[in-house]
Amino acid sequence: MKLSINGIKEQEAWKKAGIALPGYDVEAASEKAKENPVWVHFGIGNIFRVFIGGIADGLLEEGVLDRGITCVETFDYDVVDKIYDPYDNLGLSVILHGDGTREYKVVGAFAEAVKAQSSNAAQWKRLKEIFTSKSLQMVSFTITEKGYALQKADGTWFPFVEADIKNGPDKAVGAMAVLVAMLYERYKAGEYPIALVSMDNCSQNGAKLRESVLTMTEEWKKAGFVDEGFVNYVSDEKVVAFPWTMIDKITPRPSEQIAADLEKLGVENMQPVITGKKTYIAPFVNAEKPQYLVIEDSFPNGRPALEKGFGVYMADRNTVNLSERMKVTVCLNPVHSATGPLGVVLGYDLFAHMLNTNEDMMKMARMIAYDEGLPVVADPGILSPQAFVDELFNDRFPNEYLGDTNLRLAVDVSQMVGIRFGETIKAYVQKFGDASRLTAIPLGIAGWLRYMLGVDDEGNKFELAPDPMNEELQEQFKDIVVGKPETFKDQLKPILSNERLFFTDLYKDGVGEKVENMFREMIAGPGAVRATIHKYVG
């Protein structure tokens, strides 16, 4: 059985294998999207394929959507060459339930895959055709939080951004420059309205996207690449809208075991690939069943019937903001970011296995969510914070079949600490005058910094997960030696006081010294991390 347009015509074989096929005409849905695109998506990796693509697939199944999503890759072009093209843009979703059962479904919602590559004339031309289509209603994004970043922690431009500003729209490379270049084409074609919908897992994601778009636009206007009319076009939210969203679905890396199981069922060529840019991706995506996507209903050119998608809620901006704060700053992500890096240091591969077998780590996780987070979270109304956390600890976190790794949870933590921890710290300062009563959150911050040393709790070296600040932090920590606490002096001060990282100064909030003390205890020698965690949560 081949995952291809011809391959899925062998319906009996797929049915026998227990894999559901699209109940709609995949080729017709693809053709319609190519002729008159409605929905474009930037960042076409795992979360997109199983969640956003899955929503579109469901809408196609229900007959409320009649065309697929136009898939655009802005960063890792191998994804198009290795995962989209060879499989005729089909995907395979594998939903993993806590009891070990699985749901398999072929997803046919991916109309075409385009590389946002200005140096590739054919692909660049195609992208312009898509963006100048009057029919286009929305562009959604899962490019990760760093995809919107234009500046380094010290406020200077990233080198690729500096090059984009200097070279202008025709030679755009970064995701934000590519987007603004395409918006410029849309403006010239007729100033058509559009919604730009960040679905990335970060606070006020729509505002972040808007700020980056306006910054790039302003820089290009200064350099003479675009005119004042274009600045007005992207600045008018009645024409170019930036809806806020909250997204939630745990999507681990593709599992080699699942690839082997699919091949045993008869599906060919299912093995995951690691691209040149270190993207872990496969023809299938494995994920949990629960999913939440709360979207601000602001679409100046109309929109698909998104509210009919599984787990989708249309709402106003305030409700989205409260839902996002509930999840990203309190209930889910802080638990991941505080315990994932510590799990790596303690030698646990799987997050669920760690929580299920290490009483102290489960206590720490529960303290972060129930004891420290819930007391300061606002209720968004459409989702209950208490019920959300209960579902996490009763169903989602303990699901070992998900295979989610602590190393994945340690990816890019430096880009997230302000959202994951800073917001709760600020809420405590507002409520109590300082945040000194917090324990598990400072322990998580200390644990992340201890993880950054790249030495586990037994003294063995390990490789850090990708993070844009790895080199910078390791340089700052180069003199700290595990087993020699006296080598720790004031190396954490520039980090814990950095308001660009935490959106607050942790020393002023009564947390900085606490983190330093915990960190000092964690570097005492072998077993010190385990002992420190037990001391504070046991």
Protein backbone atom coordinates (compact mmCIF):
# COMPACT_ATOMS: atom_id res chain seq x y z
CA MET A 1 0.00 0.00 0.00
CA LYS A 2 1.40 3.35 -1.06
CA LEU A 3 0.47 6.67 0.50
CA SER A 4 -0.27 8.32 -2.85
CA ILE A 5 -3.27 9.41 -4.92
CA ASN A 6 -3.19 6.13 -6.86
CA GLY A 7 -2.34 4.10 -3.77
CA ILE A 8 -5.45 5.15 -1.82
CA LYS A 9 -7.63 3.94 -4.68
CA GLU A 10 -6.92 0.40 -3.39
CA GLN A 11 -9.63 0.95 -0.80
CA GLU A 12 -10.05 -2.64 0.40
CA ALA A 13 -6.41 -2.99 1.45
CA TRP A 14 -6.54 0.21 3.54
CA LYS A 15 -9.85 -0.81 5.08
CA LYS A 16 -8.41 -4.22 6.00
CA ALA A 17 -5.46 -2.48 7.67
CA GLY A 18 -7.89 -0.37 9.73
CA ILE A 19 -6.86 2.93 8.14
CA ALA A 20 -9.67 5.36 7.24
CA LEU A 21 -9.47 7.08 3.85
CA PRO A 22 -10.76 10.52 2.80
CA GLY A 23 -14.49 10.47 2.11
CA TYR A 24 -14.13 13.38 -0.33
CA ASP A 25 -12.47 13.84 -3.71
CA VAL A 26 -8.88 14.75 -2.77
CA GLU A 27 -7.87 15.73 -6.31
CA ALA A 28 -10.91 17.99 -6.79
CA ALA A 29 -10.28 19.68 -3.40
CA SER A 30 -6.67 20.22 -4.41
CA GLU A 31 -7.52 21.64 -7.84
CA LYS A 32 -10.05 24.09 -6.39
CA ALA A 33 -7.45 25.39 -3.94
CA LYS A 34 -4.89 25.81 -6.70
CA GLU A 35 -7.32 27.79 -8.85
CA ASN A 36 -8.81 29.92 -6.06
CA PRO A 37 -6.92 29.53 -2.78
CA VAL A 38 -8.84 30.37 0.39
CA TRP A 39 -6.53 29.20 3.15
CA VAL A 40 -2.72 29.34 3.14
CA HIS A 41 -0.55 27.99 5.94
CA PHE A 42 3.09 28.87 6.75
CA GLY A 43 5.15 26.24 8.62
CA ILE A 44 4.02 22.82 7.44
CA GLY A 45 5.53 20.48 10.03
CA ASN A 46 4.01 18.01 12.49
CA ILE A 47 1.54 20.19 14.43
CA PHE A 48 0.17 21.60 11.19
CA ARG A 49 -0.20 18.21 9.54
CA VAL A 50 -2.09 16.56 12.37
CA PHE A 51 -4.01 19.50 13.90
CA ILE A 52 -4.66 22.28 11.38
CA GLY A 53 -4.68 19.84 8.46
CA GLY A 54 -6.86 17.54 10.54
CA ILE A 55 -9.40 20.34 11.11
CA ALA A 56 -9.54 21.09 7.37
CA ASP A 57 -9.83 17.34 6.67
CA GLY A 58 -12.83 17.16 9.03
CA LEU A 59 -14.47 20.16 7.35
CA LEU A 60 -13.94 18.55 3.94
CA GLU A 61 -15.50 15.33 5.25
CA GLU A 62 -18.54 17.28 6.44
CA GLY A 63 -18.85 19.10 3.13
CA VAL A 64 -18.54 22.56 4.73
CA LEU A 65 -15.18 23.14 3.02
CA ASP A 66 -14.66 22.39 -0.65
CA ARG A 67 -10.92 22.93 -1.09
CA GLY A 68 -7.67 22.10 0.66
CA ILE A 69 -5.04 24.23 2.35
CA THR A 70 -2.14 25.72 0.38
CA CYS A 71 0.97 24.63 2.31
CA VAL A 72 3.96 27.00 2.40
CA GLU A 73 7.33 26.14 3.94
CA THR A 74 9.45 29.14 4.96
CA PHE A 75 12.40 27.47 6.68
CA ASP A 76 13.10 23.81 5.90
CA TYR A 77 12.59 23.07 2.21
CA ASP A 78 13.52 19.40 2.72
CA VAL A 79 10.05 18.99 4.23
CA VAL A 80 8.49 19.67 0.81
CA ASP A 81 10.97 17.41 -1.01
CA LYS A 82 10.87 14.50 1.43
CA ILE A 83 7.41 14.50 3.00
CA TYR A 84 5.00 16.29 0.65
CA ASP A 85 6.12 15.62 -2.93
CA PRO A 86 6.85 11.86 -2.62
CA TYR A 87 3.42 11.21 -1.06
CA ASP A 88 1.30 13.40 -3.40
CA ASN A 89 0.76 15.80 -0.47
CA LEU A 90 -1.15 13.18 1.54
CA GLY A 91 -0.63 12.74 5.25
CA LEU A 92 -1.49 10.02 7.74
CA SER A 93 -2.68 10.92 11.22
CA VAL A 94 -2.16 8.48 14.09
CA ILE A 95 -4.15 9.37 17.21
CA LEU A 96 -2.80 7.68 20.35
CA HIS A 97 -5.22 6.94 23.17
CA GLY A 98 -4.18 6.36 26.78
CA ASP A 99 -5.44 2.75 26.67
CA GLY A 100 -3.01 1.92 23.85
CA THR A 101 -5.55 1.97 21.01
CA ARG A 102 -4.92 4.05 17.87
CA GLU A 103 -6.96 5.80 15.19
CA TYR A 104 -5.43 5.88 11.69
CA LYS A 105 -6.68 8.29 9.01
CA VAL A 106 -5.31 9.41 5.65
CA VAL A 107 -5.52 13.23 5.46
CA GLY A 108 -6.11 14.74 2.03
CA ALA A 109 -6.46 18.40 2.96
CA PHE A 110 -3.03 19.51 1.69
CA ALA A 111 -3.66 21.01 -1.75
CA GLU A 112 -0.08 21.86 -2.75
CA ALA A 113 3.27 22.46 -1.07
CA VAL A 114 5.23 25.58 -2.01
CA LYS A 115 8.72 26.65 -0.95
CA ALA A 116 8.84 30.30 0.15
CA GLN A 117 12.22 30.63 -1.52
CA SER A 118 12.95 33.89 -3.36
CA SER A 119 15.98 32.29 -5.04
CA ASN A 120 13.68 29.71 -6.70
CA ALA A 121 11.98 31.68 -9.51
CA ALA A 122 9.18 29.18 -10.16
CA GLN A 123 8.25 28.78 -6.49
CA TRP A 124 8.45 32.55 -5.85
CA LYS A 125 6.19 33.22 -8.84
CA ARG A 126 3.68 30.64 -7.58
CA LEU A 127 3.67 32.24 -4.13
CA LYS A 128 2.91 35.62 -5.69
CA GLU A 129 0.02 34.10 -7.67
CA ILE A 130 -1.43 32.69 -4.46
CA PHE A 131 -1.16 35.96 -2.55
CA THR A 132 -2.65 38.06 -5.35
CA SER A 133 -5.76 35.83 -5.47
CA LYS A 134 -8.81 37.80 -4.42
CA SER A 135 -10.29 34.57 -3.03
CA LEU A 136 -7.60 34.24 -0.33
CA GLN A 137 -9.20 34.73 3.09
CA MET A 138 -6.62 33.66 5.65
CA VAL A 139 -2.98 32.80 6.17
CA SER A 140 -2.31 30.76 9.30
CA PHE A 141 1.09 30.13 10.90
CA THR A 142 2.86 27.47 12.95
CA ILE A 143 6.45 28.68 12.53
CA THR A 144 7.26 28.57 16.30
CA GLU A 145 7.77 31.64 18.46
CA LYS A 146 11.26 32.25 17.10
CA GLY A 147 9.79 32.53 13.58
CA TYR A 148 8.48 36.00 14.49
CA ALA A 149 11.68 37.18 16.16
CA LEU A 150 13.58 39.95 14.36
CA GLN A 151 15.95 40.91 17.15
CA LYS A 152 18.40 39.14 19.43
CA ALA A 153 18.15 39.37 23.23
CA ASP A 154 20.40 42.46 23.15
CA GLY A 155 18.02 44.29 20.78
CA THR A 156 20.16 44.07 17.63
CA TRP A 157 18.84 42.55 14.38
CA PHE A 158 19.49 38.90 13.61
CA PRO A 159 21.95 38.82 10.68
CA PHE A 160 19.35 37.30 8.30
CA VAL A 161 16.88 40.07 9.26
CA GLU A 162 19.51 42.73 8.63
CA ALA A 163 20.08 41.18 5.18
CA ASP A 164 16.32 41.09 4.51
CA ILE A 165 15.97 44.77 5.41
CA LYS A 166 18.88 45.68 3.15
CA ASN A 167 17.93 43.44 0.20
CA GLY A 168 14.21 44.21 0.04
CA PRO A 169 11.11 42.19 -0.95
CA ASP A 170 12.54 40.48 -4.05
CA LYS A 171 15.27 38.72 -2.07
CA ALA A 172 13.38 38.00 1.13
CA VAL A 173 14.64 35.00 3.13
CA GLY A 174 13.16 35.05 6.67
CA ALA A 175 9.50 34.16 7.26
CA MET A 176 8.49 37.71 8.21
CA ALA A 177 10.23 39.25 5.18
CA VAL A 178 8.62 36.67 2.88
CA LEU A 179 5.20 37.43 4.36
CA VAL A 180 5.60 41.20 4.00
CA ALA A 181 6.88 40.76 0.43
CA MET A 182 3.73 38.76 -0.39
CA LEU A 183 1.48 41.29 1.34
CA TYR A 184 3.10 43.94 -0.85
CA GLU A 185 2.10 41.91 -3.94
CA ARG A 186 -1.44 41.64 -2.57
CA TYR A 187 -1.53 45.38 -1.93
CA LYS A 188 -0.39 46.16 -5.49
CA ALA A 189 -2.93 43.71 -6.93
CA GLY A 190 -5.89 45.51 -5.36
CA GLU A 191 -5.40 46.08 -1.62
CA TYR A 192 -7.43 42.93 -0.95
CA PRO A 193 -8.33 42.24 2.68
CA ILE A 194 -6.88 39.23 4.53
CA ALA A 195 -6.58 37.68 8.01
CA LEU A 196 -3.11 36.66 9.22
CA VAL A 197 -3.68 34.06 11.93
CA SER A 198 -0.77 33.04 14.14
CA MET A 199 -1.49 29.63 15.64
CA ASP A 200 1.82 29.47 17.46
CA ASN A 201 2.03 28.62 21.09
CA CYS A 202 2.93 32.05 22.45
CA SER A 203 1.25 34.82 24.37
CA GLN A 204 -0.73 37.35 22.29
CA ASN A 205 0.55 35.68 19.15
CA GLY A 206 -1.48 37.93 16.84
CA ALA A 207 0.11 41.02 18.38
CA LYS A 208 3.59 39.49 17.97
CA LEU A 209 2.94 38.74 14.31
CA ARG A 210 1.55 42.22 13.71
CA GLU A 211 4.52 43.89 15.40
CA SER A 212 6.98 41.94 13.23
CA VAL A 213 5.04 42.68 10.03
CA LEU A 214 4.82 46.40 10.83
CA THR A 215 8.51 46.56 11.80
CA MET A 216 9.63 44.94 8.54
CA THR A 217 7.24 47.20 6.58
CA GLU A 218 8.58 50.30 8.30
CA GLU A 219 12.20 49.30 7.63
CA TRP A 220 11.45 48.70 3.95
CA LYS A 221 9.68 52.04 3.72
CA LYS A 222 12.76 53.75 5.18
CA ALA A 223 14.91 51.95 2.59
CA GLY A 224 12.56 53.02 -0.24
CA PHE A 225 11.30 49.54 -1.14
CA VAL A 226 7.61 50.19 -0.30
CA ASP A 227 5.37 53.27 -0.21
CA GLU A 228 3.27 54.99 2.45
CA GLY A 229 0.09 53.46 0.98
CA PHE A 230 1.41 49.98 1.77
CA VAL A 231 2.20 51.02 5.35
CA ASN A 232 -1.41 52.20 5.70
CA TYR A 233 -2.70 48.95 4.18
CA VAL A 234 -0.94 46.61 6.64
CA SER A 235 -1.63 48.96 9.56
CA ASP A 236 -5.41 48.93 9.08
CA GLU A 237 -6.78 45.95 11.02
CA LYS A 238 -10.09 46.26 9.21
CA VAL A 239 -8.20 45.28 6.05
CA VAL A 240 -5.24 43.23 7.30
CA ALA A 241 -6.36 41.55 10.53
CA PHE A 242 -4.16 39.71 13.04
CA PRO A 243 -6.54 37.53 15.07
CA TRP A 244 -5.20 36.13 18.34
CA THR A 245 -5.43 32.39 18.99
CA MET A 246 -4.80 29.76 21.64
CA ILE A 247 -3.65 26.36 20.38
CA ASP A 248 -3.22 23.14 22.33
CA LYS A 249 -2.40 19.62 21.20
CA ILE A 250 0.55 17.54 22.34
CA THR A 251 2.37 16.39 19.19
CA PRO A 252 5.58 14.48 19.86
CA ARG A 253 8.19 13.62 17.27
CA PRO A 254 7.16 10.85 14.88
CA SER A 255 7.74 7.46 16.49
CA GLU A 256 9.94 4.88 14.80
CA GLN A 257 7.84 2.17 16.46
CA ILE A 258 4.68 3.56 14.82
CA ALA A 259 6.51 3.71 11.48
CA ALA A 260 7.39 0.01 11.89
CA ASP A 261 3.80 -0.84 12.88
CA LEU A 262 2.43 0.98 9.81
CA GLU A 263 4.83 -0.89 7.57
CA LYS A 264 3.69 -4.17 9.18
CA LEU A 265 0.14 -3.18 8.26
CA GLY A 266 1.36 -2.91 4.67
CA VAL A 267 1.94 0.85 4.23
CA GLU A 268 5.23 1.43 2.40
CA ASN A 269 8.00 3.93 3.21
CA MET A 270 6.80 5.21 6.58
CA GLN A 271 10.18 5.81 8.23
CA PRO A 272 10.75 9.27 9.78
CA VAL A 273 13.43 11.52 8.32
CA ILE A 274 15.71 14.06 9.95
CA THR A 275 16.22 16.91 7.51
CA GLY A 276 19.40 18.91 7.04
CA LYS A 277 17.90 21.54 9.36
CA LYS A 278 17.18 18.93 12.04
CA THR A 279 13.41 18.76 11.52
CA TYR A 280 12.07 15.39 12.74
CA ILE A 281 9.20 14.53 10.42
CA ALA A 282 7.53 11.54 8.78
CA PRO A 283 4.76 10.77 6.27
CA PHE A 284 2.57 10.22 9.37
CA VAL A 285 2.08 12.29 12.52
CA ASN A 286 1.36 10.78 15.95
CA ALA A 287 -0.50 12.86 18.51
CA GLU A 288 -3.01 12.77 21.34
CA LYS A 289 -6.75 13.09 20.70
CA PRO A 290 -7.60 16.19 22.81
CA GLN A 291 -7.14 19.49 21.00
CA TYR A 292 -8.16 23.10 21.54
CA LEU A 293 -8.01 26.01 19.13
CA VAL A 294 -9.62 29.27 20.25
CA ILE A 295 -9.64 31.89 17.48
CA GLU A 296 -10.53 35.57 17.60
CA ASP A 297 -13.28 36.00 15.01
CA SER A 298 -11.74 38.80 12.94
CA PHE A 299 -11.67 37.95 9.23
CA PRO A 300 -12.05 40.95 6.87
CA ASN A 301 -12.34 38.78 3.73
CA GLY A 302 -14.61 36.08 5.18
CA ARG A 303 -13.45 32.67 6.40
CA PRO A 304 -14.11 28.94 6.24
CA ALA A 305 -16.62 27.51 8.75
CA LEU A 306 -13.83 26.94 11.28
CA GLU A 307 -16.22 26.70 14.23
CA LYS A 308 -17.42 23.35 12.84
CA GLY A 309 -13.92 21.87 13.26
CA PHE A 310 -13.16 19.47 16.13
CA GLY A 311 -11.90 21.42 19.15
CA VAL A 312 -12.31 24.86 17.53
CA TYR A 313 -13.91 27.78 19.37
CA MET A 314 -14.54 31.18 17.73
CA ALA A 315 -14.44 34.00 20.29
CA ASP A 316 -13.58 37.63 20.95
CA ARG A 317 -10.01 38.79 21.66
CA ASN A 318 -10.40 38.93 25.43
CA THR A 319 -11.67 35.34 25.60
CA VAL A 320 -8.78 34.16 23.42
CA ASN A 321 -6.32 36.03 25.62
CA LEU A 322 -7.74 34.49 28.80
CA SER A 323 -7.76 30.99 27.24
CA GLU A 324 -4.17 31.41 26.12
CA ARG A 325 -3.02 32.74 29.49
CA MET A 326 -4.79 29.83 31.18
CA LYS A 327 -2.93 27.27 29.06
CA VAL A 328 0.44 28.86 28.23
CA THR A 329 1.16 30.70 31.48
CA VAL A 330 -0.50 28.42 34.04
CA CYS A 331 -1.90 25.01 33.24
CA LEU A 332 0.13 23.16 30.63
CA ASN A 333 3.24 24.78 29.18
CA PRO A 334 4.83 25.85 32.49
CA VAL A 335 4.65 22.21 33.62
CA HIS A 336 6.41 21.11 30.42
CA SER A 337 9.09 23.82 30.56
CA ALA A 338 9.80 23.35 34.28
CA THR A 339 9.94 19.56 34.38
CA GLY A 340 11.10 18.63 30.84
CA PRO A 341 14.69 19.96 31.13
CA LEU A 342 14.94 18.50 34.66
CA GLY A 343 13.78 15.16 33.26
CA VAL A 344 16.69 15.21 30.81
CA VAL A 345 19.13 15.89 33.68
CA LEU A 346 17.59 13.04 35.71
CA GLY A 347 17.97 10.64 32.78
CA TYR A 348 14.30 10.16 31.88
CA ASP A 349 13.56 9.86 28.18
CA LEU A 350 9.74 9.97 28.26
CA PHE A 351 7.85 12.75 30.03
CA ALA A 352 4.84 10.55 30.95
CA HIS A 353 7.06 7.76 32.28
CA MET A 354 8.90 10.28 34.47
CA LEU A 355 5.66 11.59 36.01
CA ASN A 356 4.21 8.09 36.39
CA THR A 357 7.28 6.70 38.19
CA ASN A 358 8.94 9.64 39.99
CA GLU A 359 6.77 10.84 42.85
CA ASP A 360 8.74 14.08 43.35
CA MET A 361 8.47 15.08 39.68
CA MET A 362 4.71 14.45 39.72
CA LYS A 363 4.43 16.52 42.93
CA MET A 364 6.42 19.33 41.31
CA ALA A 365 4.23 19.24 38.19
CA ARG A 366 1.06 19.37 40.30
CA MET A 367 2.43 22.21 42.45
CA ILE A 368 3.11 24.31 39.34
CA ALA A 369 -0.38 23.86 37.95
CA TYR A 370 -2.68 23.41 40.95
CA ASP A 371 -0.91 25.21 43.81
CA GLU A 372 0.93 28.07 42.09
CA GLY A 373 -0.90 28.57 38.80
CA LEU A 374 -4.63 28.09 39.36
CA PRO A 375 -4.91 30.67 42.20
CA VAL A 376 -3.91 33.49 39.79
CA VAL A 377 -5.55 32.32 36.55
CA ALA A 378 -8.58 34.13 35.14
CA ASP A 379 -11.45 31.94 33.91
CA PRO A 380 -11.93 32.41 30.14
CA GLY A 381 -15.54 31.25 30.35
CA ILE A 382 -15.53 28.90 27.38
CA LEU A 383 -13.04 26.51 29.06
CA SER A 384 -12.80 25.75 32.79
CA PRO A 385 -9.22 26.07 34.11
CA GLN A 386 -9.88 23.47 36.82
CA ALA A 387 -11.37 20.98 34.31
CA PHE A 388 -8.51 21.70 31.88
CA VAL A 389 -5.86 20.90 34.52
CA ASP A 390 -7.79 17.83 35.70
CA GLU A 391 -7.85 16.49 32.11
CA LEU A 392 -4.10 17.10 31.85
CA PHE A 393 -3.24 15.14 34.98
CA ASN A 394 -5.90 12.44 34.63
CA ASP A 395 -5.67 11.72 30.89
CA ARG A 396 -3.08 13.66 28.92
CA PHE A 397 0.16 13.81 30.94
CA PRO A 398 0.10 10.12 32.03
CA ASN A 399 -0.37 8.85 28.44
CA GLU A 400 2.88 6.92 27.86
CA TYR A 401 1.68 5.84 24.41
CA LEU A 402 2.23 9.42 23.24
CA GLY A 403 5.97 8.90 23.57
CA ASP A 404 6.59 12.60 24.26
CA THR A 405 10.21 13.14 25.30
CA ASN A 406 11.70 15.48 27.87
CA LEU A 407 14.28 16.51 25.27
CA ARG A 408 11.51 17.80 22.97
CA LEU A 409 10.12 19.81 25.90
CA ALA A 410 13.58 21.36 26.35
CA VAL A 411 13.63 22.81 22.80
CA ASP A 412 13.77 26.64 22.69
CA VAL A 413 12.96 27.06 26.39
CA SER A 414 14.94 30.34 26.48
CA GLN A 415 12.38 31.80 24.07
CA MET A 416 9.50 30.83 26.34
CA VAL A 417 10.52 31.41 29.97
CA GLY A 418 8.97 34.89 30.02
CA ILE A 419 5.58 33.53 28.96
CA ARG A 420 5.72 30.26 30.88
CA PHE A 421 6.94 31.65 34.21
CA GLY A 422 7.18 35.45 34.04
CA GLU A 423 3.42 35.99 33.80
CA THR A 424 2.64 34.03 36.96
CA ILE A 425 5.52 35.70 38.80
CA LYS A 426 4.14 39.12 37.80
CA ALA A 427 0.63 38.05 38.93
CA TYR A 428 2.03 37.16 42.37
CA VAL A 429 3.85 40.49 42.62
CA GLN A 430 0.59 42.26 41.78
CA LYS A 431 -1.40 40.20 44.29
CA PHE A 432 1.08 39.87 47.18
CA GLY A 433 3.76 42.53 46.59
CA ASP A 434 6.38 39.94 45.61
CA ALA A 435 6.59 36.35 44.36
CA SER A 436 8.70 34.93 47.19
CA ARG A 437 6.01 32.41 48.19
CA LEU A 438 6.52 30.53 44.90
CA THR A 439 8.58 27.32 45.13
CA ALA A 440 7.98 24.99 42.17
CA ILE A 441 8.32 27.71 39.50
CA PRO A 442 11.72 28.96 40.79
CA LEU A 443 12.74 25.29 41.05
CA GLY A 444 11.80 24.85 37.37
CA ILE A 445 13.83 27.92 36.35
CA ALA A 446 16.83 26.67 38.35
CA GLY A 447 16.34 23.25 36.73
CA TRP A 448 16.37 24.73 33.23
CA LEU A 449 19.61 26.59 33.98
CA ARG A 450 21.12 23.44 35.52
CA TYR A 451 20.11 21.55 32.34
CA MET A 452 21.96 24.22 30.28
CA LEU A 453 25.26 22.95 31.77
CA GLY A 454 24.85 19.84 29.57
CA VAL A 455 25.79 17.48 32.42
CA ASP A 456 23.30 15.01 33.90
CA ASP A 457 22.74 14.21 37.58
CA GLU A 458 25.34 11.42 37.46
CA GLY A 459 27.99 13.69 35.96
CA ASN A 460 27.70 12.48 32.35
CA LYS A 461 27.63 14.95 29.45
CA PHE A 462 24.60 15.11 27.14
CA GLU A 463 23.67 17.09 24.04
CA LEU A 464 21.31 20.01 24.53
CA ALA A 465 18.09 20.30 22.53
CA PRO A 466 18.12 23.09 19.90
CA ASP A 467 17.76 26.59 21.37
CA PRO A 468 18.94 29.93 19.93
CA MET A 469 20.60 30.83 23.26
CA ASN A 470 22.55 27.58 23.79
CA GLU A 471 25.94 29.03 22.82
CA GLU A 472 25.44 32.29 24.67
CA LEU A 473 24.36 30.60 27.91
CA GLN A 474 27.02 27.92 27.76
CA GLU A 475 29.64 30.65 27.32
CA GLN A 476 28.30 32.41 30.43
CA PHE A 477 28.35 29.12 32.37
CA LYS A 478 31.73 27.84 31.16
CA ASP A 479 33.41 28.28 34.55
CA ILE A 480 30.68 26.49 36.53
CA VAL A 481 31.72 22.94 37.40
CA VAL A 482 29.26 20.34 38.70
CA GLY A 483 30.66 19.06 42.00
CA LYS A 484 32.37 22.39 42.74
CA PRO A 485 29.68 24.80 43.98
CA GLU A 486 32.38 27.40 44.67
CA THR A 487 32.71 27.88 40.87
CA PHE A 488 29.21 29.37 40.90
CA LYS A 489 29.45 33.11 41.59
CA ASP A 490 27.15 35.59 39.84
CA GLN A 491 26.80 33.92 36.43
CA LEU A 492 22.97 33.81 36.66
CA LYS A 493 22.52 37.53 37.38
CA PRO A 494 22.48 38.75 33.74
CA ILE A 495 19.89 36.07 32.90
CA LEU A 496 17.52 36.33 35.85
CA SER A 497 17.48 40.14 35.65
CA ASN A 498 16.98 40.17 31.84
CA GLU A 499 13.55 41.68 31.20
CA ARG A 500 13.75 40.72 27.53
CA LEU A 501 13.78 37.08 28.64
CA PHE A 502 11.41 37.07 31.63
CA PHE A 503 9.47 40.32 30.98
CA THR A 504 10.38 41.18 34.56
CA ASP A 505 13.45 41.31 36.83
CA LEU A 506 13.33 38.21 39.03
CA TYR A 507 15.50 39.83 41.72
CA LYS A 508 13.06 42.72 42.17
CA ASP A 509 10.26 40.13 42.38
CA GLY A 510 11.89 38.24 45.26
CA VAL A 511 12.64 35.15 43.16
CA GLY A 512 16.18 35.68 41.81
CA GLU A 513 18.09 34.71 44.98
CA LYS A 514 15.80 31.71 45.47
CA VAL A 515 16.63 30.46 41.96
CA GLU A 516 20.36 31.03 42.63
CA ASN A 517 20.21 29.03 45.88
CA MET A 518 18.36 26.14 44.23
CA PHE A 519 20.83 26.15 41.35
CA ARG A 520 23.78 26.11 43.78
CA GLU A 521 22.28 23.09 45.54
CA MET A 522 21.77 21.34 42.18
CA ILE A 523 25.49 21.53 41.28
CA ALA A 524 26.78 20.10 44.58
CA GLY A 525 27.67 16.77 42.93
CA PRO A 526 26.16 13.52 41.65
CA GLY A 527 22.54 13.07 42.80
CA ALA A 528 22.26 16.72 43.86
CA VAL A 529 19.47 17.52 41.38
CA ARG A 530 17.30 14.65 42.64
CA ALA A 531 18.01 15.65 46.25
CA THR A 532 17.22 19.32 45.62
CA ILE A 533 13.88 18.51 44.00
CA HIS A 534 12.98 16.23 46.93
CA LYS A 535 13.96 18.94 49.44
CA TYR A 536 11.57 21.48 47.93
CA VAL A 537 8.59 19.32 46.93
CA GLY A 538 8.88 16.19 49.10
